[in-house]
Structure formats: structure tokens, C-alpha cells
Amino acid sequence: MSIGVYIPEYVQDCELVASEDLARDPTFWLAHVLLTMGDPGEPAEPYGVDTSAYEEMVDRLGDPEQPWPVLRVCFDGGHTVYAVYANWDDQNNVDYFIRHPKWGRLGFLGQCGADEAGPGLSWTELLTLATSTQGTEGLTNPSERLLLLLPMLGDADMPGEACDTVARALSHCGIRAEAASDLAAVLLGEQDPANGPRWTPTGDSPIAVCSSPYSPRQVPLALGITPDQAQALATALSSPVPGQEEVMEYQRNEHSAGRQS
């Protein structure tokens, strides 16, 4: 049974449906990363995904006749990141935003598709959100959370292990382990430490802003929330999560086991 999702600050003339059940299918994850970051026409078989199932998933994620799929990532302080497959008759986008029930507004992270905007997350923020599993709704698996939010990543200061971390997440979500590293490298692309996006707090807000001219986060996220709310959001986005290293070590062990089997 499908469960509807109500977001009062979002588009009102559309039906939203909770779609975290898709995360159980490796086909979804391949479709998600290729639709948002790669080439959706790429063959699916090398990644361990059936071609017909992949094509059906791509069609489902972009079907304007169906309710829009919504996947959620709950994190500290009662915040939630939403990824919405927004399927209009004439275009398809994936919208990313943060919501808190007390804000009365959305914090727009970015968008993939016809009206592309981003990046919306630094590497530190992405890793924090992936490993902060508060709440009972939405995705709770760190690898799934990381892959869902990966299209919003853009950071000139990514660590050397970033590609391995993404590869492990892909493998853990069902992508063939032997192909995960190459796919991770394609998704992350060439890094540009000199000219890539940088993230710095401003004097007006503790929430980091992005240097990229294409990022909605050139201004503080959820502009207009109270100073206390801004501080709570900044802390939730950037503070190391207790047990984060243990989570990442578990992911490394799972990936190694998958490659050996």
C-alpha cells in the first residue's frame, strides 16, 4: 500500500508518495545515479542489473501519470532531506530540499534535470547526513542515504578516499562489486582543487555557503529562519556523528567481503 507524503511548503497540485521501498532494488540505485549524474542510456548489464528491469525503472521514475516518488533522509534536530522525482508533462527533475516542521519554508539544496542547480552539499555534509540515522521514517541505511544525496555533492576539498567510499556504497546497494569503482570514478568526475566549489560560513550565518555560481547555496540555506534554527541546522549538517567511523568501517568490510565472494 502506497503512503502519501504531504509537504505543505512544496508544490500543491501534485501527488507525492513515499518510495523508500525502491531502495531494496539495485535497479533503482543504478537508475538514480545514471539519471542524475551519468548517462541513463549506458548498458545496465555490466553493473549486475537486468536491462529490461532497468528500463522499466527509468520509465517509472519519470512517469508523469504516476504519483511523484519521494525518498527521505531524516537527520539530527528533526530535519529531513527530501528527494522528489518531479515529473511534469514536459520535463523531469529531481528536487532536493531540507525541511523542518517549525520553519514554514524549505531549504533548497538543488535540482537535477532540465533546470539543473547545484551543488547543494559539501563532502563533510554528505558524510554526516549519510551516517546520521535519527528518526523512523525514510532511509536508514548509510550507503543508501549516501547514494540518494550524492547528486548534490560538489566540493573542491574532497578527501582521497571519496571515490572508494562511493564505490563501497554502490556495492553495498547491489551494484556489481567489480564495476563499482569505475562507476564511482565516473560519477565523481575529475576533481578540480583549484577552481572547484568551496564551502565557507559567512559573518551573517553559521551555515556554510557555496562559491559556485550555479548553487542555490550561494546564500545561507533556508534563508529567513531564526538564528537559533540556523545554528541548529549548521550543527546538524557538519558535526561528526557518534559512531561515524564504525559505520564507515562496517561499510569497508562489507565491500571487501562482496569482492571476495
Protein backbone atom coordinates (compact mmCIF):
# COMPACT_ATOMS: atom_id res chain seq x y z
CA MET A 1 0.00 0.00 0.00
CA SER A 2 1.39 3.37 -1.04
CA ILE A 3 1.73 6.03 1.65
CA GLY A 4 1.17 9.63 0.61
CA VAL A 5 3.60 12.35 1.63
CA TYR A 6 2.39 15.85 2.47
CA ILE A 7 4.85 18.75 2.25
CA PRO A 8 2.86 21.96 2.84
CA GLU A 9 5.59 24.26 1.50
CA TYR A 10 6.09 22.26 -1.72
CA VAL A 11 4.13 22.10 -4.99
CA GLN A 12 0.46 21.67 -4.15
CA ASP A 13 -1.02 20.36 -7.41
CA CYS A 14 0.81 17.03 -7.39
CA GLU A 15 0.51 13.72 -5.58
CA LEU A 16 3.57 12.58 -3.63
CA VAL A 17 4.18 9.02 -2.49
CA ALA A 18 6.76 7.61 -0.07
CA SER A 19 9.07 5.45 -2.19
CA GLU A 20 11.77 4.19 0.13
CA ASP A 21 10.74 0.66 -0.84
CA LEU A 22 12.56 1.26 -4.14
CA ALA A 23 15.84 1.26 -2.21
CA ARG A 24 15.68 -2.52 -1.85
CA ASP A 25 16.23 -2.90 -5.60
CA PRO A 26 19.74 -2.41 -7.09
CA THR A 27 17.97 -1.39 -10.30
CA PHE A 28 16.74 1.77 -8.59
CA TRP A 29 20.21 2.78 -7.49
CA LEU A 30 21.70 2.35 -10.94
CA ALA A 31 18.83 4.32 -12.47
CA HIS A 32 19.13 7.02 -9.80
CA VAL A 33 22.83 7.72 -10.23
CA LEU A 34 22.79 7.50 -14.03
CA LEU A 35 19.70 9.71 -14.39
CA THR A 36 21.13 12.38 -12.11
CA MET A 37 24.90 12.16 -12.65
CA GLY A 38 25.71 9.92 -15.60
CA ASP A 39 24.32 8.61 -18.87
CA PRO A 40 20.95 6.84 -18.46
CA GLY A 41 21.49 5.19 -21.85
CA GLU A 42 24.52 3.30 -20.58
CA PRO A 43 24.19 -0.53 -20.64
CA ALA A 44 22.96 -1.90 -17.31
CA GLU A 45 24.28 -5.45 -17.53
CA PRO A 46 27.92 -4.63 -16.64
CA TYR A 47 26.66 -3.36 -13.29
CA GLY A 48 24.79 -6.56 -12.49
CA VAL A 49 21.36 -5.15 -13.37
CA ASP A 50 18.92 -6.69 -15.85
CA THR A 51 18.37 -4.44 -18.89
CA SER A 52 14.59 -4.77 -19.05
CA ALA A 53 14.23 -4.16 -15.31
CA TYR A 54 16.46 -1.09 -15.62
CA GLU A 55 14.40 0.33 -18.47
CA GLU A 56 11.19 -0.24 -16.51
CA MET A 57 12.67 1.56 -13.50
CA VAL A 58 13.75 4.54 -15.60
CA ASP A 59 10.25 4.76 -17.06
CA ARG A 60 8.67 4.54 -13.60
CA LEU A 61 10.87 7.25 -12.13
CA GLY A 62 9.95 9.62 -14.97
CA ASP A 63 6.25 8.79 -15.43
CA PRO A 64 4.09 11.95 -15.19
CA GLU A 65 0.94 9.82 -14.92
CA GLN A 66 2.08 8.32 -11.61
CA PRO A 67 2.43 9.95 -8.16
CA TRP A 68 5.82 11.56 -7.75
CA PRO A 69 8.28 9.30 -5.87
CA VAL A 70 9.70 10.79 -2.67
CA LEU A 71 12.64 9.46 -0.66
CA ARG A 72 13.60 10.95 2.69
CA VAL A 73 16.69 11.22 4.85
CA CYS A 74 15.95 12.22 8.45
CA PHE A 75 18.80 13.68 10.48
CA ASP A 76 19.60 15.40 13.77
CA GLY A 77 17.31 18.02 15.25
CA GLY A 78 14.14 16.96 13.46
CA HIS A 79 15.41 17.94 9.99
CA THR A 80 14.61 15.94 6.85
CA VAL A 81 16.15 15.96 3.38
CA TYR A 82 13.65 15.18 0.61
CA ALA A 83 14.48 13.91 -2.87
CA VAL A 84 11.43 14.26 -5.11
CA TYR A 85 11.20 12.87 -8.63
CA ALA A 86 9.17 15.77 -10.04
CA ASN A 87 7.63 14.58 -13.30
CA TRP A 88 5.77 17.23 -15.26
CA ASP A 89 4.27 16.52 -18.67
CA ASP A 90 7.07 18.39 -20.43
CA GLN A 91 10.09 17.84 -18.17
CA ASN A 92 11.54 15.72 -15.37
CA ASN A 93 13.60 16.92 -12.43
CA VAL A 94 14.80 15.57 -9.12
CA ASP A 95 14.31 18.24 -6.45
CA TYR A 96 16.36 18.22 -3.25
CA PHE A 97 15.47 20.28 -0.20
CA ILE A 98 15.60 20.28 3.59
CA ARG A 99 12.52 20.79 5.72
CA HIS A 100 11.92 21.34 9.41
CA PRO A 101 8.32 21.45 10.69
CA LYS A 102 8.94 24.73 12.54
CA TRP A 103 10.50 26.66 9.65
CA GLY A 104 7.50 27.43 7.49
CA ARG A 105 9.78 27.25 4.44
CA LEU A 106 12.08 24.86 2.58
CA GLY A 107 15.85 24.97 2.33
CA PHE A 108 16.57 24.32 -1.35
CA LEU A 109 19.69 22.22 -1.98
CA GLY A 110 19.48 21.86 -5.73
CA GLN A 111 17.95 20.10 -8.67
CA CYS A 112 18.92 17.52 -11.29
CA GLY A 113 17.33 17.54 -14.72
CA ALA A 114 16.13 20.21 -17.12
CA ASP A 115 16.56 23.01 -14.57
CA GLU A 116 19.81 21.81 -13.04
CA ALA A 117 21.10 23.67 -9.99
CA GLY A 118 23.87 22.73 -7.59
CA PRO A 119 25.95 21.69 -5.82
CA GLY A 120 23.95 21.52 -2.64
CA LEU A 121 26.23 19.64 -0.23
CA SER A 122 29.87 19.57 0.77
CA TRP A 123 31.64 16.26 1.33
CA THR A 124 31.51 16.73 5.12
CA GLU A 125 27.77 17.40 4.98
CA LEU A 126 27.14 14.41 2.72
CA LEU A 127 29.02 12.05 5.03
CA THR A 128 27.28 13.47 8.11
CA LEU A 129 23.84 13.04 6.55
CA ALA A 130 24.68 9.52 5.39
CA THR A 131 25.64 8.36 8.87
CA SER A 132 23.12 10.33 10.96
CA THR A 133 20.18 7.95 11.15
CA GLN A 134 17.72 9.62 13.50
CA GLY A 135 14.00 9.04 13.10
CA THR A 136 11.93 6.11 11.92
CA GLU A 137 10.88 7.44 8.51
CA GLY A 138 12.87 7.43 5.32
CA LEU A 139 16.12 5.66 4.53
CA THR A 140 18.19 4.40 7.45
CA ASN A 141 21.00 2.54 5.66
CA PRO A 142 24.11 4.77 5.39
CA SER A 143 25.03 3.53 1.90
CA GLU A 144 21.53 4.20 0.59
CA ARG A 145 21.47 7.64 2.19
CA LEU A 146 24.84 8.50 0.65
CA LEU A 147 23.80 7.43 -2.85
CA LEU A 148 20.46 9.22 -2.66
CA LEU A 149 22.18 12.51 -1.81
CA LEU A 150 25.30 12.01 -3.95
CA PRO A 151 23.97 14.08 -6.90
CA MET A 152 24.09 17.15 -4.64
CA LEU A 153 27.81 16.77 -3.90
CA GLY A 154 30.30 19.35 -5.07
CA ASP A 155 33.47 20.12 -3.14
CA ALA A 156 37.00 21.15 -4.10
CA ASP A 157 38.29 19.66 -0.84
CA MET A 158 37.13 16.07 -1.18
CA PRO A 159 39.45 13.57 0.51
CA GLY A 160 41.40 10.97 -1.42
CA GLU A 161 39.17 8.17 -0.14
CA ALA A 162 35.98 9.74 -1.54
CA CYS A 163 35.91 7.50 -4.61
CA ASP A 164 36.40 4.37 -2.50
CA THR A 165 33.62 5.46 -0.15
CA VAL A 166 31.20 5.91 -3.04
CA ALA A 167 32.29 2.60 -4.60
CA ARG A 168 31.59 0.79 -1.33
CA ALA A 169 28.14 2.37 -1.15
CA LEU A 170 27.37 1.28 -4.71
CA SER A 171 28.49 -2.26 -3.98
CA HIS A 172 26.53 -2.38 -0.73
CA CYS A 173 23.40 -1.30 -2.64
CA GLY A 174 23.73 -4.14 -5.13
CA ILE A 175 25.91 -2.80 -7.93
CA ARG A 176 28.40 -5.44 -9.07
CA ALA A 177 31.49 -5.00 -6.90
CA GLU A 178 33.90 -5.34 -9.83
CA ALA A 179 32.22 -2.41 -11.60
CA ALA A 180 31.58 -0.19 -8.57
CA SER A 181 34.96 1.56 -8.51
CA ASP A 182 34.83 2.58 -12.17
CA LEU A 183 31.26 3.81 -11.79
CA ALA A 184 32.19 5.80 -8.68
CA ALA A 185 35.03 7.48 -10.58
CA VAL A 186 32.66 8.43 -13.41
CA LEU A 187 30.07 9.83 -11.03
CA LEU A 188 32.56 11.95 -9.10
CA GLY A 189 34.36 13.11 -12.25
CA GLU A 190 37.65 14.95 -12.42
CA GLN A 191 38.37 16.85 -9.24
CA ASP A 192 39.46 20.48 -9.55
CA PRO A 193 41.03 21.58 -6.25
CA ALA A 194 41.94 24.98 -7.68
CA ASN A 195 38.58 26.01 -9.12
CA GLY A 196 36.04 23.61 -7.63
CA PRO A 197 33.23 24.63 -5.26
CA ARG A 198 34.30 25.76 -1.80
CA TRP A 199 32.21 25.95 1.35
CA THR A 200 32.65 28.65 3.98
CA PRO A 201 30.43 30.15 6.69
CA THR A 202 29.66 33.85 6.44
CA GLY A 203 29.50 36.51 9.10
CA ASP A 204 25.72 36.56 8.81
CA SER A 205 25.06 32.84 9.26
CA PRO A 206 26.79 29.75 10.69
CA ILE A 207 25.57 27.74 7.69
CA ALA A 208 28.27 27.34 5.03
CA VAL A 209 27.64 28.89 1.63
CA CYS A 210 28.96 27.63 -1.72
CA SER A 211 31.27 29.50 -4.08
CA SER A 212 29.70 28.02 -7.23
CA PRO A 213 27.57 30.49 -9.22
CA TYR A 214 25.14 27.65 -10.02
CA SER A 215 24.48 26.65 -6.43
CA PRO A 216 21.29 27.66 -4.59
CA ARG A 217 23.52 27.75 -1.54
CA GLN A 218 25.28 30.91 -2.59
CA VAL A 219 23.04 32.29 0.13
CA PRO A 220 22.53 30.63 3.54
CA LEU A 221 20.27 27.60 3.40
CA ALA A 222 16.63 28.23 4.37
CA LEU A 223 17.24 31.98 4.40
CA GLY A 224 14.92 33.68 6.88
CA ILE A 225 14.87 31.06 9.63
CA THR A 226 15.73 32.29 13.13
CA PRO A 227 19.35 32.47 14.33
CA ASP A 228 18.75 29.55 16.69
CA GLN A 229 17.27 27.49 13.86
CA ALA A 230 20.22 28.36 11.62
CA GLN A 231 22.69 27.29 14.30
CA ALA A 232 20.82 24.02 14.85
CA LEU A 233 20.89 23.31 11.11
CA ALA A 234 24.58 24.17 10.80
CA THR A 235 25.41 21.85 13.69
CA ALA A 236 23.27 19.03 12.30
CA LEU A 237 24.91 19.32 8.87
CA SER A 238 28.53 19.45 9.89
CA SER A 239 29.08 17.86 13.29
CA PRO A 240 30.65 14.38 13.27
CA VAL A 241 28.06 11.75 14.05
CA PRO A 242 28.80 9.45 17.02
CA GLY A 243 29.81 6.09 15.61
CA GLN A 244 30.51 7.52 12.14
CA GLU A 245 33.88 5.78 11.90
CA GLU A 246 32.33 2.48 12.97
CA VAL A 247 29.68 2.83 10.27
CA MET A 248 32.29 3.50 7.59
CA GLU A 249 34.43 0.59 8.80
CA TYR A 250 31.43 -1.72 8.56
CA GLN A 251 30.86 -0.49 5.01
CA ARG A 252 34.50 -1.21 4.13
CA ASN A 253 34.26 -4.74 5.50
CA GLU A 254 31.03 -5.43 3.62
CA HIS A 255 32.57 -4.19 0.37
CA SER A 256 35.66 -6.36 0.84
CA ALA A 257 33.51 -9.41 1.50
CA GLY A 258 31.47 -8.70 -1.63
CA ARG A 259 34.57 -8.51 -3.82
CA GLN A 260 35.89 -11.80 -2.47
CA SER A 261 32.66 -13.76 -2.95
